[in-house]
Amino acid sequence: MSSSPKAEEFYKKLKDQLKETSTWPSEYLYKFILKTDVHKIEALESLFNGVGAVIHTTKSKNGKYTSISINLIMKNPEAVVSKYIEVTNTIEGVISL
């Protein structure tokens, strides 16, 4: 899937900020929000299987949404952005924070 110019600008800015603020490889915390759907949550978690990720999920007060925090070591800013793109292209309705 191709990304919008707005998304491309966002990812470029994120890469630049990560280069300036971190030494690589570095620990990175991904945060996502999804409507609570077991299949989507499992699909999201599967994108991080086998890479040493620590995953925490928390349901909203009414259970309608689930926040997912994923902490892992990334080799560089490009890898961070690549994973964001993989998630948004794979999981419909995911919100990246």
C-alpha atoms as a PDB file:
ATOM      1  CA  MET A   1       0.000   0.000   0.000  1.00  0.00           C
ATOM      2  CA  SER A   2       1.195   3.480  -0.689  1.00  0.00           C
ATOM      3  CA  SER A   3       1.069   6.022   2.091  1.00  0.00           C
ATOM      4  CA  SER A   4      -0.348   9.510   1.864  1.00  0.00           C
ATOM      5  CA  PRO A   5       1.930  12.551   1.586  1.00  0.00           C
ATOM      6  CA  LYS A   6       0.849  13.512   5.117  1.00  0.00           C
ATOM      7  CA  ALA A   7       1.888  10.076   6.443  1.00  0.00           C
ATOM      8  CA  GLU A   8       5.199  10.235   4.580  1.00  0.00           C
ATOM      9  CA  GLU A   9       5.895  13.652   6.095  1.00  0.00           C
ATOM     10  CA  PHE A  10       5.020  12.347   9.573  1.00  0.00           C
ATOM     11  CA  TYR A  11       7.354   9.340   9.221  1.00  0.00           C
ATOM     12  CA  LYS A  12      10.198  11.491   7.887  1.00  0.00           C
ATOM     13  CA  LYS A  13       9.838  13.842  10.854  1.00  0.00           C
ATOM     14  CA  LEU A  14       9.713  10.881  13.257  1.00  0.00           C
ATOM     15  CA  LYS A  15      12.907   9.399  11.750  1.00  0.00           C
ATOM     16  CA  ASP A  16      14.693  12.736  12.079  1.00  0.00           C
ATOM     17  CA  GLN A  17      13.599  13.132  15.704  1.00  0.00           C
ATOM     18  CA  LEU A  18      14.670   9.594  16.566  1.00  0.00           C
ATOM     19  CA  LYS A  19      18.088  10.155  14.989  1.00  0.00           C
ATOM     20  CA  GLU A  20      18.558  13.320  17.056  1.00  0.00           C
ATOM     21  CA  THR A  21      17.309  12.004  20.401  1.00  0.00           C
ATOM     22  CA  SER A  22      18.525   8.407  20.622  1.00  0.00           C
ATOM     23  CA  THR A  23      21.618   6.287  20.235  1.00  0.00           C
ATOM     24  CA  TRP A  24      20.975   3.190  18.107  1.00  0.00           C
ATOM     25  CA  PRO A  25      20.253   0.355  18.630  1.00  0.00           C
ATOM     26  CA  SER A  26      17.794   1.563  21.248  1.00  0.00           C
ATOM     27  CA  GLU A  27      14.742   0.494  23.200  1.00  0.00           C
ATOM     28  CA  TYR A  28      11.528   1.808  21.641  1.00  0.00           C
ATOM     29  CA  LEU A  29       7.965   1.874  22.958  1.00  0.00           C
ATOM     30  CA  TYR A  30       5.164   1.463  20.417  1.00  0.00           C
ATOM     31  CA  LYS A  31       1.646   2.376  21.522  1.00  0.00           C
ATOM     32  CA  PHE A  32      -1.484   1.423  19.620  1.00  0.00           C
ATOM     33  CA  ILE A  33      -5.220   1.608  20.214  1.00  0.00           C
ATOM     34  CA  LEU A  34      -7.742  -0.758  18.640  1.00  0.00           C
ATOM     35  CA  LYS A  35     -11.410  -1.454  19.027  1.00  0.00           C
ATOM     36  CA  THR A  36     -11.448  -4.522  21.248  1.00  0.00           C
ATOM     37  CA  ASP A  37     -11.377  -7.405  18.754  1.00  0.00           C
ATOM     38  CA  VAL A  38      -9.505 -10.558  19.734  1.00  0.00           C
ATOM     39  CA  HIS A  39      -8.514 -11.325  16.122  1.00  0.00           C
ATOM     40  CA  LYS A  40      -7.074  -7.855  15.475  1.00  0.00           C
ATOM     41  CA  ILE A  41      -5.218  -7.840  18.784  1.00  0.00           C
ATOM     42  CA  GLU A  42      -3.730 -11.267  18.039  1.00  0.00           C
ATOM     43  CA  ALA A  43      -2.785 -10.125  14.517  1.00  0.00           C
ATOM     44  CA  LEU A  44      -1.032  -7.061  15.931  1.00  0.00           C
ATOM     45  CA  GLU A  45       0.820  -9.094  18.545  1.00  0.00           C
ATOM     46  CA  SER A  46       1.885 -11.619  15.889  1.00  0.00           C
ATOM     47  CA  LEU A  47       3.702  -8.843  13.991  1.00  0.00           C
ATOM     48  CA  PHE A  48       6.026  -8.562  16.989  1.00  0.00           C
ATOM     49  CA  ASN A  49       6.459 -12.290  17.735  1.00  0.00           C
ATOM     50  CA  GLY A  50       9.992 -13.641  17.820  1.00  0.00           C
ATOM     51  CA  VAL A  51      11.737 -10.276  18.214  1.00  0.00           C
ATOM     52  CA  GLY A  52      11.934 -10.086  21.997  1.00  0.00           C
ATOM     53  CA  ALA A  53       9.011  -7.698  22.391  1.00  0.00           C
ATOM     54  CA  VAL A  54       7.358  -7.117  25.750  1.00  0.00           C
ATOM     55  CA  ILE A  55       3.644  -6.605  25.104  1.00  0.00           C
ATOM     56  CA  HIS A  56       1.070  -5.167  27.512  1.00  0.00           C
ATOM     57  CA  THR A  57      -2.630  -4.805  26.737  1.00  0.00           C
ATOM     58  CA  THR A  58      -5.168  -2.757  28.673  1.00  0.00           C
ATOM     59  CA  LYS A  59      -8.886  -2.541  27.974  1.00  0.00           C
ATOM     60  CA  SER A  60     -10.683   0.763  28.296  1.00  0.00           C
ATOM     61  CA  LYS A  61     -13.082   1.291  31.175  1.00  0.00           C
ATOM     62  CA  ASN A  62     -16.074   0.138  29.127  1.00  0.00           C
ATOM     63  CA  GLY A  63     -14.094  -2.526  27.243  1.00  0.00           C
ATOM     64  CA  LYS A  64     -14.766  -1.015  23.820  1.00  0.00           C
ATOM     65  CA  TYR A  65     -11.099  -0.237  23.105  1.00  0.00           C
ATOM     66  CA  THR A  66      -7.789  -1.895  23.932  1.00  0.00           C
ATOM     67  CA  SER A  67      -4.460  -0.113  24.231  1.00  0.00           C
ATOM     68  CA  ILE A  68      -1.384  -2.120  23.356  1.00  0.00           C
ATOM     69  CA  SER A  69       2.115  -1.116  24.454  1.00  0.00           C
ATOM     70  CA  ILE A  70       5.015  -2.924  22.840  1.00  0.00           C
ATOM     71  CA  ASN A  71       8.557  -2.422  24.066  1.00  0.00           C
ATOM     72  CA  LEU A  72      11.546  -3.770  22.156  1.00  0.00           C
ATOM     73  CA  ILE A  73      15.051  -3.039  20.958  1.00  0.00           C
ATOM     74  CA  MET A  74      15.145  -1.533  17.463  1.00  0.00           C
ATOM     75  CA  LYS A  75      18.306  -1.236  15.385  1.00  0.00           C
ATOM     76  CA  ASN A  76      17.647   2.217  13.874  1.00  0.00           C
ATOM     77  CA  PRO A  77      14.948   4.837  13.160  1.00  0.00           C
ATOM     78  CA  GLU A  78      14.232   3.283   9.761  1.00  0.00           C
ATOM     79  CA  ALA A  79      13.334  -0.010  11.466  1.00  0.00           C
ATOM     80  CA  VAL A  80      10.984   1.838  13.836  1.00  0.00           C
ATOM     81  CA  VAL A  81       9.156   3.525  10.955  1.00  0.00           C
ATOM     82  CA  SER A  82       9.109   0.326   8.902  1.00  0.00           C
ATOM     83  CA  LYS A  83       7.314  -1.485  11.747  1.00  0.00           C
ATOM     84  CA  TYR A  84       4.748   1.333  12.060  1.00  0.00           C
ATOM     85  CA  ILE A  85       4.045   1.077   8.322  1.00  0.00           C
ATOM     86  CA  GLU A  86       3.761  -2.718   8.536  1.00  0.00           C
ATOM     87  CA  VAL A  87       1.236  -2.424  11.370  1.00  0.00           C
ATOM     88  CA  THR A  88      -0.918   0.233   9.693  1.00  0.00           C
ATOM     89  CA  ASN A  89      -0.892  -1.662   6.405  1.00  0.00           C
ATOM     90  CA  THR A  90      -1.830  -4.958   8.095  1.00  0.00           C
ATOM     91  CA  ILE A  91      -4.307  -4.062  10.852  1.00  0.00           C
ATOM     92  CA  GLU A  92      -7.410  -2.142   9.801  1.00  0.00           C
ATOM     93  CA  GLY A  93      -8.517   0.578  12.200  1.00  0.00           C
ATOM     94  CA  VAL A  94      -5.372   0.667  14.325  1.00  0.00           C
ATOM     95  CA  ILE A  95      -4.427   4.028  15.837  1.00  0.00           C
ATOM     96  CA  SER A  96      -0.701   4.631  16.330  1.00  0.00           C
ATOM     97  CA  LEU A  97       0.341   6.925  19.146  1.00  0.00           C
END
